[in-house]
Amino acid sequence: MRRQGRLKRRVAHALRRITRGTAGRRDTVRELYALAWPIAAAMAGETLMGLVDTKLVGGLGAAALGGVGVAMMVVFLGYMIVFGMMLALIFLGILLLSLVLGQLAHRFRLRWSFSTVRLSQY
């Protein structure tokens, strides 16, 4: 019983720290930029690739320019399919984690285990 009390206090402390923002807004923004810049660079590169293709093929005529436009849409569709499948796997993992934690909570009568799913979102 003593161990459960310590764990509940730790989870409560972590939740208070997250909700009050003692981790620091500047640190959070820095982490966000560190995670976001590769994605932004990749998207800018894809746009630049489309512009360069359009510039190079523009002199060949309307049919070639239309082909580049269709090819860029097919490439974008491929990216979106892969991205959608990755998102589906992430949501499936969260679902399975919440099911496992729910079973553990029911088995050991722990109320705090649901807050771990909330903590995993931060």
PDB file of N, CA and C in Angstrom:
ATOM      1  N   MET A   1       0.818  -1.197   0.000  1.00  0.00           N
ATOM      2  CA  MET A   1       0.000   0.000   0.000  1.00  0.00           C
ATOM      3  C   MET A   1       0.860   1.259   0.000  1.00  0.00           C
ATOM      4  N   ARG A   2       1.975   1.183   0.666  1.00  0.00           N
ATOM      5  CA  ARG A   2       2.861   2.325   0.750  1.00  0.00           C
ATOM      6  C   ARG A   2       3.454   2.674  -0.624  1.00  0.00           C
ATOM      7  N   ARG A   3       3.751   1.640  -1.389  1.00  0.00           N
ATOM      8  CA  ARG A   3       4.321   1.843  -2.719  1.00  0.00           C
ATOM      9  C   ARG A   3       3.321   2.531  -3.639  1.00  0.00           C
ATOM     10  N   GLN A   4       2.056   2.138  -3.542  1.00  0.00           N
ATOM     11  CA  GLN A   4       1.024   2.761  -4.368  1.00  0.00           C
ATOM     12  C   GLN A   4       0.857   4.229  -4.005  1.00  0.00           C
ATOM     13  N   GLY A   5       0.976   4.547  -2.723  1.00  0.00           N
ATOM     14  CA  GLY A   5       0.854   5.935  -2.290  1.00  0.00           C
ATOM     15  C   GLY A   5       1.957   6.803  -2.859  1.00  0.00           C
ATOM     16  N   ARG A   6       3.194   6.283  -2.862  1.00  0.00           N
ATOM     17  CA  ARG A   6       4.311   7.040  -3.435  1.00  0.00           C
ATOM     18  C   ARG A   6       4.124   7.246  -4.931  1.00  0.00           C
ATOM     19  N   LEU A   7       3.666   6.209  -5.607  1.00  0.00           N
ATOM     20  CA  LEU A   7       3.465   6.309  -7.042  1.00  0.00           C
ATOM     21  C   LEU A   7       2.355   7.307  -7.374  1.00  0.00           C
ATOM     22  N   LYS A   8       1.278   7.297  -6.580  1.00  0.00           N
ATOM     23  CA  LYS A   8       0.207   8.256  -6.800  1.00  0.00           C
ATOM     24  C   LYS A   8       0.701   9.683  -6.594  1.00  0.00           C
ATOM     25  N   ARG A   9       1.541   9.890  -5.583  1.00  0.00           N
ATOM     26  CA  ARG A   9       2.080  11.230  -5.342  1.00  0.00           C
ATOM     27  C   ARG A   9       2.970  11.672  -6.493  1.00  0.00           C
ATOM     28  N   ARG A  10       3.769  10.751  -7.019  1.00  0.00           N
ATOM     29  CA  ARG A  10       4.647  11.094  -8.145  1.00  0.00           C
ATOM     30  C   ARG A  10       3.842  11.476  -9.380  1.00  0.00           C
ATOM     31  N   VAL A  11       2.790  10.707  -9.657  1.00  0.00           N
ATOM     32  CA  VAL A  11       1.955  11.007 -10.821  1.00  0.00           C
ATOM     33  C   VAL A  11       1.247  12.343 -10.620  1.00  0.00           C
ATOM     34  N   ALA A  12       0.748  12.581  -9.416  1.00  0.00           N
ATOM     35  CA  ALA A  12       0.075  13.857  -9.143  1.00  0.00           C
ATOM     36  C   ALA A  12       1.055  15.019  -9.294  1.00  0.00           C
ATOM     37  N   HIS A  13       2.279  14.827  -8.820  1.00  0.00           N
ATOM     38  CA  HIS A  13       3.287  15.885  -8.944  1.00  0.00           C
ATOM     39  C   HIS A  13       3.615  16.150 -10.415  1.00  0.00           C
ATOM     40  N   ALA A  14       3.735  15.090 -11.198  1.00  0.00           N
ATOM     41  CA  ALA A  14       4.032  15.263 -12.628  1.00  0.00           C
ATOM     42  C   ALA A  14       2.885  15.981 -13.332  1.00  0.00           C
ATOM     43  N   LEU A  15       1.662  15.642 -12.989  1.00  0.00           N
ATOM     44  CA  LEU A  15       0.521  16.322 -13.605  1.00  0.00           C
ATOM     45  C   LEU A  15       0.479  17.793 -13.217  1.00  0.00           C
ATOM     46  N   ARG A  16       0.762  18.104 -11.955  1.00  0.00           N
ATOM     47  CA  ARG A  16       0.800  19.506 -11.534  1.00  0.00           C
ATOM     48  C   ARG A  16       1.892  20.258 -12.273  1.00  0.00           C
ATOM     49  N   ARG A  17       3.037  19.619 -12.442  1.00  0.00           N
ATOM     50  CA  ARG A  17       4.158  20.267 -13.129  1.00  0.00           C
ATOM     51  C   ARG A  17       3.816  20.560 -14.587  1.00  0.00           C
ATOM     52  N   ILE A  18       3.118  19.618 -15.212  1.00  0.00           N
ATOM     53  CA  ILE A  18       2.741  19.811 -16.613  1.00  0.00           C
ATOM     54  C   ILE A  18       1.684  20.896 -16.737  1.00  0.00           C
ATOM     55  N   THR A  19       0.668  20.855 -15.878  1.00  0.00           N
ATOM     56  CA  THR A  19      -0.410  21.827 -16.005  1.00  0.00           C
ATOM     57  C   THR A  19       0.018  23.225 -15.600  1.00  0.00           C
ATOM     58  N   ARG A  20       0.933  23.350 -14.660  1.00  0.00           N
ATOM     59  CA  ARG A  20       1.386  24.670 -14.235  1.00  0.00           C
ATOM     60  C   ARG A  20       2.487  25.209 -15.128  1.00  0.00           C
ATOM     61  N   GLY A  21       3.116  24.349 -15.903  1.00  0.00           N
ATOM     62  CA  GLY A  21       4.113  24.815 -16.845  1.00  0.00           C
ATOM     63  C   GLY A  21       5.459  25.110 -16.225  1.00  0.00           C
ATOM     64  N   THR A  22       5.845  24.387 -15.178  1.00  0.00           N
ATOM     65  CA  THR A  22       7.143  24.647 -14.560  1.00  0.00           C
ATOM     66  C   THR A  22       8.281  24.084 -15.395  1.00  0.00           C
ATOM     67  N   ALA A  23       7.961  23.312 -16.413  1.00  0.00           N
ATOM     68  CA  ALA A  23       9.010  22.793 -17.289  1.00  0.00           C
ATOM     69  C   ALA A  23       9.632  23.924 -18.105  1.00  0.00           C
ATOM     70  N   GLY A  24       8.933  25.024 -18.225  1.00  0.00           N
ATOM     71  CA  GLY A  24       9.474  26.178 -18.933  1.00  0.00           C
ATOM     72  C   GLY A  24       8.940  26.288 -20.340  1.00  0.00           C
ATOM     73  N   ARG A  25       8.349  27.421 -20.626  1.00  0.00           N
ATOM     74  CA  ARG A  25       7.792  27.639 -21.954  1.00  0.00           C
ATOM     75  C   ARG A  25       8.901  27.718 -22.998  1.00  0.00           C
ATOM     76  N   ARG A  26      10.023  28.320 -22.634  1.00  0.00           N
ATOM     77  CA  ARG A  26      11.123  28.457 -23.581  1.00  0.00           C
ATOM     78  C   ARG A  26      11.686  27.089 -23.964  1.00  0.00           C
ATOM     79  N   ASP A  27      11.788  26.181 -22.984  1.00  0.00           N
ATOM     80  CA  ASP A  27      12.271  24.830 -23.284  1.00  0.00           C
ATOM     81  C   ASP A  27      11.306  24.089 -24.190  1.00  0.00           C
ATOM     82  N   THR A  28      10.016  24.290 -23.957  1.00  0.00           N
ATOM     83  CA  THR A  28       9.011  23.616 -24.772  1.00  0.00           C
ATOM     84  C   THR A  28       9.063  24.115 -26.210  1.00  0.00           C
ATOM     85  N   VAL A  29       9.195  25.422 -26.378  1.00  0.00           N
ATOM     86  CA  VAL A  29       9.270  25.984 -27.732  1.00  0.00           C
ATOM     87  C   VAL A  29      10.539  25.501 -28.429  1.00  0.00           C
ATOM     88  N   ARG A  30      11.636  25.419 -27.692  1.00  0.00           N
ATOM     89  CA  ARG A  30      12.895  24.949 -28.270  1.00  0.00           C
ATOM     90  C   ARG A  30      12.763  23.492 -28.724  1.00  0.00           C
ATOM     91  N   GLU A  31      12.112  22.664 -27.904  1.00  0.00           N
ATOM     92  CA  GLU A  31      11.893  21.260 -28.287  1.00  0.00           C
ATOM     93  C   GLU A  31      11.000  21.173 -29.521  1.00  0.00           C
ATOM     94  N   LEU A  32       9.982  22.010 -29.545  1.00  0.00           N
ATOM     95  CA  LEU A  32       9.057  22.001 -30.674  1.00  0.00           C
ATOM     96  C   LEU A  32       9.768  22.377 -31.969  1.00  0.00           C
ATOM     97  N   TYR A  33      10.617  23.405 -31.915  1.00  0.00           N
ATOM     98  CA  TYR A  33      11.383  23.780 -33.101  1.00  0.00           C
ATOM     99  C   TYR A  33      12.360  22.672 -33.504  1.00  0.00           C
ATOM    100  N   ALA A  34      12.960  22.023 -32.526  1.00  0.00           N
ATOM    101  CA  ALA A  34      13.899  20.941 -32.843  1.00  0.00           C
ATOM    102  C   ALA A  34      13.193  19.782 -33.543  1.00  0.00           C
ATOM    103  N   LEU A  35      11.932  19.546 -33.195  1.00  0.00           N
ATOM    104  CA  LEU A  35      11.182  18.472 -33.843  1.00  0.00           C
ATOM    105  C   LEU A  35      10.576  18.903 -35.182  1.00  0.00           C
ATOM    106  N   ALA A  36      10.264  20.191 -35.316  1.00  0.00           N
ATOM    107  CA  ALA A  36       9.507  20.643 -36.483  1.00  0.00           C
ATOM    108  C   ALA A  36      10.368  21.040 -37.672  1.00  0.00           C
ATOM    109  N   TRP A  37      11.610  21.465 -37.448  1.00  0.00           N
ATOM    110  CA  TRP A  37      12.371  21.990 -38.589  1.00  0.00           C
ATOM    111  C   TRP A  37      12.654  20.950 -39.661  1.00  0.00           C
ATOM    112  N   PRO A  38      12.912  19.668 -39.346  1.00  0.00           N
ATOM    113  CA  PRO A  38      13.122  18.719 -40.452  1.00  0.00           C
ATOM    114  C   PRO A  38      11.870  18.523 -41.301  1.00  0.00           C
ATOM    115  N   ILE A  39      10.709  18.556 -40.664  1.00  0.00           N
ATOM    116  CA  ILE A  39       9.464  18.391 -41.417  1.00  0.00           C
ATOM    117  C   ILE A  39       9.236  19.590 -42.320  1.00  0.00           C
ATOM    118  N   ALA A  40       9.468  20.791 -41.777  1.00  0.00           N
ATOM    119  CA  ALA A  40       9.291  22.005 -42.578  1.00  0.00           C
ATOM    120  C   ALA A  40      10.276  22.035 -43.742  1.00  0.00           C
ATOM    121  N   ALA A  41      11.507  21.604 -43.494  1.00  0.00           N
ATOM    122  CA  ALA A  41      12.507  21.580 -44.567  1.00  0.00           C
ATOM    123  C   ALA A  41      12.120  20.579 -45.657  1.00  0.00           C
ATOM    124  N   ALA A  42      11.597  19.428 -45.262  1.00  0.00           N
ATOM    125  CA  ALA A  42      11.179  18.429 -46.253  1.00  0.00           C
ATOM    126  C   ALA A  42      10.017  18.945 -47.092  1.00  0.00           C
ATOM    127  N   MET A  43       9.070  19.607 -46.457  1.00  0.00           N
ATOM    128  CA  MET A  43       7.935  20.135 -47.219  1.00  0.00           C
ATOM    129  C   MET A  43       8.366  21.264 -48.143  1.00  0.00           C
ATOM    130  N   ALA A  44       9.273  22.116 -47.677  1.00  0.00           N
ATOM    131  CA  ALA A  44       9.785  23.172 -48.545  1.00  0.00           C
ATOM    132  C   ALA A  44      10.574  22.578 -49.701  1.00  0.00           C
ATOM    133  N   GLY A  45      11.324  21.508 -49.452  1.00  0.00           N
ATOM    134  CA  GLY A  45      12.062  20.835 -50.514  1.00  0.00           C
ATOM    135  C   GLY A  45      11.148  20.227 -51.556  1.00  0.00           C
ATOM    136  N   GLU A  46      10.032  19.673 -51.091  1.00  0.00           N
ATOM    137  CA  GLU A  46       9.083  19.098 -52.056  1.00  0.00           C
ATOM    138  C   GLU A  46       8.476  20.182 -52.934  1.00  0.00           C
ATOM    139  N   THR A  47       8.129  21.311 -52.337  1.00  0.00           N
ATOM    140  CA  THR A  47       7.587  22.424 -53.116  1.00  0.00           C
ATOM    141  C   THR A  47       8.615  22.953 -54.103  1.00  0.00           C
ATOM    142  N   LEU A  48       9.851  23.068 -53.646  1.00  0.00           N
ATOM    143  CA  LEU A  48      10.928  23.534 -54.516  1.00  0.00           C
ATOM    144  C   LEU A  48      11.167  22.564 -55.673  1.00  0.00           C
ATOM    145  N   MET A  49      11.047  21.261 -55.374  1.00  0.00           N
ATOM    146  CA  MET A  49      11.208  20.262 -56.429  1.00  0.00           C
ATOM    147  C   MET A  49      10.138  20.435 -57.508  1.00  0.00           C
ATOM    148  N   GLY A  50       8.908  20.689 -57.083  1.00  0.00           N
ATOM    149  CA  GLY A  50       7.837  20.918 -58.049  1.00  0.00           C
ATOM    150  C   GLY A  50       8.070  22.161 -58.888  1.00  0.00           C
ATOM    151  N   LEU A  51       8.562  23.227 -58.246  1.00  0.00           N
ATOM    152  CA  LEU A  51       8.838  24.452 -58.994  1.00  0.00           C
ATOM    153  C   LEU A  51       9.977  24.264 -60.002  1.00  0.00           C
ATOM    154  N   VAL A  52      11.018  23.565 -59.596  1.00  0.00           N
ATOM    155  CA  VAL A  52      12.142  23.322 -60.507  1.00  0.00           C
ATOM    156  C   VAL A  52      11.709  22.443 -61.674  1.00  0.00           C
ATOM    157  N   ASP A  53      10.927  21.407 -61.382  1.00  0.00           N
ATOM    158  CA  ASP A  53      10.422  20.562 -62.469  1.00  0.00           C
ATOM    159  C   ASP A  53       9.579  21.362 -63.450  1.00  0.00           C
ATOM    160  N   THR A  54       8.737  22.229 -62.905  1.00  0.00           N
ATOM    161  CA  THR A  54       7.889  23.052 -63.769  1.00  0.00           C
ATOM    162  C   THR A  54       8.735  23.989 -64.629  1.00  0.00           C
ATOM    163  N   LYS A  55       9.761  24.579 -64.052  1.00  0.00           N
ATOM    164  CA  LYS A  55      10.643  25.485 -64.798  1.00  0.00           C
ATOM    165  C   LYS A  55      11.400  24.750 -65.915  1.00  0.00           C
ATOM    166  N   LEU A  56      11.909  23.553 -65.597  1.00  0.00           N
ATOM    167  CA  LEU A  56      12.679  22.802 -66.585  1.00  0.00           C
ATOM    168  C   LEU A  56      11.816  22.276 -67.730  1.00  0.00           C
ATOM    169  N   VAL A  57      10.589  21.883 -67.404  1.00  0.00           N
ATOM    170  CA  VAL A  57       9.733  21.263 -68.412  1.00  0.00           C
ATOM    171  C   VAL A  57       8.857  22.304 -69.112  1.00  0.00           C
ATOM    172  N   GLY A  58       8.799  23.513 -68.559  1.00  0.00           N
ATOM    173  CA  GLY A  58       7.923  24.543 -69.118  1.00  0.00           C
ATOM    174  C   GLY A  58       8.172  24.829 -70.584  1.00  0.00           C
ATOM    175  N   GLY A  59       9.395  24.710 -71.040  1.00  0.00           N
ATOM    176  CA  GLY A  59       9.709  24.996 -72.442  1.00  0.00           C
ATOM    177  C   GLY A  59       9.335  23.879 -73.393  1.00  0.00           C
ATOM    178  N   LEU A  60       8.984  22.714 -72.893  1.00  0.00           N
ATOM    179  CA  LEU A  60       8.684  21.567 -73.758  1.00  0.00           C
ATOM    180  C   LEU A  60       7.241  21.543 -74.250  1.00  0.00           C
ATOM    181  N   GLY A  61       6.379  22.343 -73.650  1.00  0.00           N
ATOM    182  CA  GLY A  61       4.998  22.378 -74.123  1.00  0.00           C
ATOM    183  C   GLY A  61       3.997  22.080 -73.021  1.00  0.00           C
ATOM    184  N   ALA A  62       2.737  22.225 -73.429  1.00  0.00           N
ATOM    185  CA  ALA A  62       1.645  22.080 -72.462  1.00  0.00           C
ATOM    186  C   ALA A  62       1.486  20.638 -71.980  1.00  0.00           C
ATOM    187  N   ALA A  63       1.694  19.659 -72.888  1.00  0.00           N
ATOM    188  CA  ALA A  63       1.511  18.256 -72.504  1.00  0.00           C
ATOM    189  C   ALA A  63       2.553  17.831 -71.459  1.00  0.00           C
ATOM    190  N   ALA A  64       3.809  18.259 -71.665  1.00  0.00           N
ATOM    191  CA  ALA A  64       4.861  17.921 -70.707  1.00  0.00           C
ATOM    192  C   ALA A  64       4.618  18.599 -69.364  1.00  0.00           C
ATOM    193  N   LEU A  65       4.150  19.842 -69.399  1.00  0.00           N
ATOM    194  CA  LEU A  65       3.857  20.571 -68.171  1.00  0.00           C
ATOM    195  C   LEU A  65       2.703  19.930 -67.408  1.00  0.00           C
ATOM    196  N   GLY A  66       1.709  19.460 -68.146  1.00  0.00           N
ATOM    197  CA  GLY A  66       0.601  18.738 -67.510  1.00  0.00           C
ATOM    198  C   GLY A  66       1.063  17.434 -66.886  1.00  0.00           C
ATOM    199  N   GLY A  67       1.996  16.762 -67.562  1.00  0.00           N
ATOM    200  CA  GLY A  67       2.532  15.516 -67.008  1.00  0.00           C
ATOM    201  C   GLY A  67       3.274  15.747 -65.700  1.00  0.00           C
ATOM    202  N   VAL A  68       4.027  16.842 -65.618  1.00  0.00           N
ATOM    203  CA  VAL A  68       4.730  17.160 -64.372  1.00  0.00           C
ATOM    204  C   VAL A  68       3.728  17.446 -63.260  1.00  0.00           C
ATOM    205  N   GLY A  69       2.650  18.160 -63.585  1.00  0.00           N
ATOM    206  CA  GLY A  69       1.623  18.450 -62.582  1.00  0.00           C
ATOM    207  C   GLY A  69       0.968  17.184 -62.062  1.00  0.00           C
ATOM    208  N   VAL A  70       0.648  16.260 -62.967  1.00  0.00           N
ATOM    209  CA  VAL A  70       0.037  14.989 -62.554  1.00  0.00           C
ATOM    210  C   VAL A  70       1.025  14.163 -61.733  1.00  0.00           C
ATOM    211  N   ALA A  71       2.284  14.147 -62.147  1.00  0.00           N
ATOM    212  CA  ALA A  71       3.290  13.380 -61.409  1.00  0.00           C
ATOM    213  C   ALA A  71       3.469  13.929 -59.992  1.00  0.00           C
ATOM    214  N   MET A  72       3.452  15.250 -59.845  1.00  0.00           N
ATOM    215  CA  MET A  72       3.586  15.828 -58.504  1.00  0.00           C
ATOM    216  C   MET A  72       2.380  15.474 -57.629  1.00  0.00           C
ATOM    217  N   MET A  73       1.192  15.397 -58.225  1.00  0.00           N
ATOM    218  CA  MET A  73       0.010  14.997 -57.451  1.00  0.00           C
ATOM    219  C   MET A  73       0.115  13.541 -57.023  1.00  0.00           C
ATOM    220  N   VAL A  74       0.651  12.679 -57.890  1.00  0.00           N
ATOM    221  CA  VAL A  74       0.820  11.263 -57.546  1.00  0.00           C
ATOM    222  C   VAL A  74       1.846  11.121 -56.420  1.00  0.00           C
ATOM    223  N   VAL A  75       2.919  11.876 -56.483  1.00  0.00           N
ATOM    224  CA  VAL A  75       3.923  11.840 -55.419  1.00  0.00           C
ATOM    225  C   VAL A  75       3.306  12.298 -54.101  1.00  0.00           C
ATOM    226  N   PHE A  76       2.524  13.378 -54.128  1.00  0.00           N
ATOM    227  CA  PHE A  76       1.869  13.873 -52.925  1.00  0.00           C
ATOM    228  C   PHE A  76       0.894  12.845 -52.371  1.00  0.00           C
ATOM    229  N   LEU A  77       0.161  12.163 -53.257  1.00  0.00           N
ATOM    230  CA  LEU A  77      -0.771  11.122 -52.819  1.00  0.00           C
ATOM    231  C   LEU A  77      -0.015   9.992 -52.123  1.00  0.00           C
ATOM    232  N   GLY A  78       1.138   9.607 -52.674  1.00  0.00           N
ATOM    233  CA  GLY A  78       1.956   8.575 -52.024  1.00  0.00           C
ATOM    234  C   GLY A  78       2.415   8.997 -50.641  1.00  0.00           C
ATOM    235  N   TYR A  79       2.845  10.258 -50.502  1.00  0.00           N
ATOM    236  CA  TYR A  79       3.242  10.762 -49.189  1.00  0.00           C
ATOM    237  C   TYR A  79       2.082  10.697 -48.203  1.00  0.00           C
ATOM    238  N   MET A  80       0.906  11.093 -48.654  1.00  0.00           N
ATOM    239  CA  MET A  80      -0.247  11.129 -47.757  1.00  0.00           C
ATOM    240  C   MET A  80      -0.691   9.723 -47.352  1.00  0.00           C
ATOM    241  N   ILE A  81      -0.579   8.771 -48.237  1.00  0.00           N
ATOM    242  CA  ILE A  81      -0.937   7.393 -47.881  1.00  0.00           C
ATOM    243  C   ILE A  81       0.020   6.863 -46.822  1.00  0.00           C
ATOM    244  N   VAL A  82       1.303   7.078 -47.014  1.00  0.00           N
ATOM    245  CA  VAL A  82       2.288   6.626 -46.020  1.00  0.00           C
ATOM    246  C   VAL A  82       2.075   7.344 -44.695  1.00  0.00           C
ATOM    247  N   PHE A  83       1.852   8.650 -44.740  1.00  0.00           N
ATOM    248  CA  PHE A  83       1.621   9.423 -43.523  1.00  0.00           C
ATOM    249  C   PHE A  83       0.364   8.948 -42.794  1.00  0.00           C
ATOM    250  N   GLY A  84      -0.689   8.657 -43.542  1.00  0.00           N
ATOM    251  CA  GLY A  84      -1.922   8.152 -42.942  1.00  0.00           C
ATOM    252  C   GLY A  84      -1.731   6.800 -42.280  1.00  0.00           C
ATOM    253  N   MET A  85      -0.951   5.926 -42.918  1.00  0.00           N
ATOM    254  CA  MET A  85      -0.694   4.616 -42.313  1.00  0.00           C
ATOM    255  C   MET A  85       0.127   4.763 -41.036  1.00  0.00           C
ATOM    256  N   MET A  86       1.100   5.680 -41.028  1.00  0.00           N
ATOM    257  CA  MET A  86       1.884   5.897 -39.811  1.00  0.00           C
ATOM    258  C   MET A  86       1.003   6.432 -38.693  1.00  0.00           C
ATOM    259  N   LEU A  87       0.086   7.344 -39.013  1.00  0.00           N
ATOM    260  CA  LEU A  87      -0.818   7.872 -38.003  1.00  0.00           C
ATOM    261  C   LEU A  87      -1.734   6.780 -37.470  1.00  0.00           C
ATOM    262  N   ALA A  88      -2.203   5.918 -38.346  1.00  0.00           N
ATOM    263  CA  ALA A  88      -3.058   4.818 -37.906  1.00  0.00           C
ATOM    264  C   ALA A  88      -2.306   3.897 -36.945  1.00  0.00           C
ATOM    265  N   LEU A  89      -1.035   3.626 -37.221  1.00  0.00           N
ATOM    266  CA  LEU A  89      -0.246   2.793 -36.316  1.00  0.00           C
ATOM    267  C   LEU A  89      -0.033   3.467 -34.968  1.00  0.00           C
ATOM    268  N   ILE A  90       0.157   4.774 -34.976  1.00  0.00           N
ATOM    269  CA  ILE A  90       0.323   5.494 -33.710  1.00  0.00           C
ATOM    270  C   ILE A  90      -0.958   5.416 -32.892  1.00  0.00           C
ATOM    271  N   PHE A  91      -2.103   5.656 -33.529  1.00  0.00           N
ATOM    272  CA  PHE A  91      -3.364   5.593 -32.801  1.00  0.00           C
ATOM    273  C   PHE A  91      -3.657   4.181 -32.314  1.00  0.00           C
ATOM    274  N   LEU A  92      -3.284   3.185 -33.105  1.00  0.00           N
ATOM    275  CA  LEU A  92      -3.460   1.799 -32.669  1.00  0.00           C
ATOM    276  C   LEU A  92      -2.601   1.518 -31.444  1.00  0.00           C
ATOM    277  N   GLY A  93      -1.379   2.029 -31.429  1.00  0.00           N
ATOM    278  CA  GLY A  93      -0.510   1.850 -30.265  1.00  0.00           C
ATOM    279  C   GLY A  93      -1.080   2.505 -29.029  1.00  0.00           C
ATOM    280  N   ILE A  94      -1.631   3.725 -29.170  1.00  0.00           N
ATOM    281  CA  ILE A  94      -2.242   4.402 -28.024  1.00  0.00           C
ATOM    282  C   ILE A  94      -3.461   3.629 -27.547  1.00  0.00           C
ATOM    283  N   LEU A  95      -4.247   3.102 -28.482  1.00  0.00           N
ATOM    284  CA  LEU A  95      -5.420   2.316 -28.107  1.00  0.00           C
ATOM    285  C   LEU A  95      -5.020   1.076 -27.332  1.00  0.00           C
ATOM    286  N   LEU A  96      -4.024   0.355 -27.834  1.00  0.00           N
ATOM    287  CA  LEU A  96      -3.573  -0.851 -27.131  1.00  0.00           C
ATOM    288  C   LEU A  96      -2.990  -0.524 -25.764  1.00  0.00           C
ATOM    289  N   LEU A  97      -2.246   0.572 -25.665  1.00  0.00           N
ATOM    290  CA  LEU A  97      -1.696   0.997 -24.384  1.00  0.00           C
ATOM    291  C   LEU A  97      -2.803   1.319 -23.394  1.00  0.00           C
ATOM    292  N   SER A  98      -3.837   2.018 -23.853  1.00  0.00           N
ATOM    293  CA  SER A  98      -4.927   2.354 -22.943  1.00  0.00           C
ATOM    294  C   SER A  98      -5.707   1.111 -22.522  1.00  0.00           C
ATOM    295  N   LEU A  99      -5.834   0.138 -23.432  1.00  0.00           N
ATOM    296  CA  LEU A  99      -6.504  -1.106 -23.048  1.00  0.00           C
ATOM    297  C   LEU A  99      -5.705  -1.866 -21.996  1.00  0.00           C
ATOM    298  N   VAL A 100      -4.402  -1.950 -22.194  1.00  0.00           N
ATOM    299  CA  VAL A 100      -3.547  -2.642 -21.230  1.00  0.00           C
ATOM    300  C   VAL A 100      -3.578  -1.932 -19.882  1.00  0.00           C
ATOM    301  N   LEU A 101      -3.485  -0.610 -19.895  1.00  0.00           N
ATOM    302  CA  LEU A 101      -3.530   0.131 -18.642  1.00  0.00           C
ATOM    303  C   LEU A 101      -4.889   0.004 -17.972  1.00  0.00           C
ATOM    304  N   GLY A 102      -5.947  -0.041 -18.770  1.00  0.00           N
ATOM    305  CA  GLY A 102      -7.277  -0.248 -18.201  1.00  0.00           C
ATOM    306  C   GLY A 102      -7.408  -1.604 -17.540  1.00  0.00           C
ATOM    307  N   GLN A 103      -6.849  -2.639 -18.161  1.00  0.00           N
ATOM    308  CA  GLN A 103      -6.886  -3.967 -17.546  1.00  0.00           C
ATOM    309  C   GLN A 103      -6.067  -4.002 -16.263  1.00  0.00           C
ATOM    310  N   LEU A 104      -4.913  -3.350 -16.278  1.00  0.00           N
ATOM    311  CA  LEU A 104      -4.101  -3.286 -15.060  1.00  0.00           C
ATOM    312  C   LEU A 104      -4.822  -2.527 -13.964  1.00  0.00           C
ATOM    313  N   ALA A 105      -5.496  -1.443 -14.325  1.00  0.00           N
ATOM    314  CA  ALA A 105      -6.218  -0.661 -13.333  1.00  0.00           C
ATOM    315  C   ALA A 105      -7.346  -1.481 -12.729  1.00  0.00           C
ATOM    316  N   HIS A 106      -8.027  -2.230 -13.572  1.00  0.00           N
ATOM    317  CA  HIS A 106      -9.121  -3.057 -13.059  1.00  0.00           C
ATOM    318  C   HIS A 106      -8.577  -4.191 -12.190  1.00  0.00           C
ATOM    319  N   ARG A 107      -7.480  -4.759 -12.620  1.00  0.00           N
ATOM    320  CA  ARG A 107      -6.920  -5.899 -11.896  1.00  0.00           C
ATOM    321  C   ARG A 107      -6.348  -5.495 -10.542  1.00  0.00           C
ATOM    322  N   PHE A 108      -5.648  -4.384 -10.510  1.00  0.00           N
ATOM    323  CA  PHE A 108      -5.009  -3.959  -9.262  1.00  0.00           C
ATOM    324  C   PHE A 108      -5.758  -2.827  -8.572  1.00  0.00           C
ATOM    325  N   ARG A 109      -6.919  -2.456  -9.112  1.00  0.00           N
ATOM    326  CA  ARG A 109      -7.742  -1.386  -8.550  1.00  0.00           C
ATOM    327  C   ARG A 109      -6.957  -0.074  -8.410  1.00  0.00           C
ATOM    328  N   LEU A 110      -6.316   0.282  -9.476  1.00  0.00           N
ATOM    329  CA  LEU A 110      -5.514   1.500  -9.485  1.00  0.00           C
ATOM    330  C   LEU A 110      -6.225   2.570 -10.302  1.00  0.00           C
ATOM    331  N   ARG A 111      -6.479   3.701  -9.714  1.00  0.00           N
ATOM    332  CA  ARG A 111      -7.140   4.784 -10.431  1.00  0.00           C
ATOM    333  C   ARG A 111      -6.151   5.652 -11.187  1.00  0.00           C
ATOM    334  N   TRP A 112      -4.922   5.669 -10.753  1.00  0.00           N
ATOM    335  CA  TRP A 112      -3.932   6.580 -11.320  1.00  0.00           C
ATOM    336  C   TRP A 112      -3.434   6.140 -12.682  1.00  0.00           C
ATOM    337  N   SER A 113      -3.657   4.893 -13.078  1.00  0.00           N
ATOM    338  CA  SER A 113      -3.073   4.412 -14.332  1.00  0.00           C
ATOM    339  C   SER A 113      -3.651   5.133 -15.545  1.00  0.00           C
ATOM    340  N   PHE A 114      -4.868   5.652 -15.432  1.00  0.00           N
ATOM    341  CA  PHE A 114      -5.432   6.380 -16.557  1.00  0.00           C
ATOM    342  C   PHE A 114      -4.700   7.707 -16.778  1.00  0.00           C
ATOM    343  N   SER A 115      -4.126   8.243 -15.727  1.00  0.00           N
ATOM    344  CA  SER A 115      -3.395   9.509 -15.903  1.00  0.00           C
ATOM    345  C   SER A 115      -2.095   9.302 -16.661  1.00  0.00           C
ATOM    346  N   THR A 116      -1.583   8.073 -16.729  1.00  0.00           N
ATOM    347  CA  THR A 116      -0.366   7.840 -17.497  1.00  0.00           C
ATOM    348  C   THR A 116      -0.600   8.019 -18.982  1.00  0.00           C
ATOM    349  N   VAL A 117      -1.809   7.703 -19.449  1.00  0.00           N
ATOM    350  CA  VAL A 117      -2.132   7.941 -20.851  1.00  0.00           C
ATOM    351  C   VAL A 117      -2.144   9.446 -21.097  1.00  0.00           C
ATOM    352  N   ARG A 118      -2.669  10.207 -20.144  1.00  0.00           N
ATOM    353  CA  ARG A 118      -2.674  11.658 -20.265  1.00  0.00           C
ATOM    354  C   ARG A 118      -1.249  12.196 -20.272  1.00  0.00           C
ATOM    355  N   LEU A 119      -0.368  11.622 -19.441  1.00  0.00           N
ATOM    356  CA  LEU A 119       1.031  12.056 -19.396  1.00  0.00           C
ATOM    357  C   LEU A 119       1.759  11.723 -20.689  1.00  0.00           C
ATOM    358  N   SER A 120       1.386  10.615 -21.317  1.00  0.00           N
ATOM    359  CA  SER A 120       2.089  10.214 -22.540  1.00  0.00           C
ATOM    360  C   SER A 120       1.797  11.149 -23.706  1.00  0.00           C
ATOM    361  N   GLN A 121       0.765  11.957 -23.594  1.00  0.00           N
ATOM    362  CA  GLN A 121       0.432  12.886 -24.665  1.00  0.00           C
ATOM    363  C   GLN A 121       1.314  14.123 -24.627  1.00  0.00           C
ATOM    364  N   TYR A 122       2.036  14.346 -23.541  1.00  0.00           N
ATOM    365  CA  TYR A 122       2.846  15.570 -23.426  1.00  0.00           C
ATOM    366  C   TYR A 122       4.243  15.343 -23.829  1.00  0.00           C
TER     367      TYR A 122
END
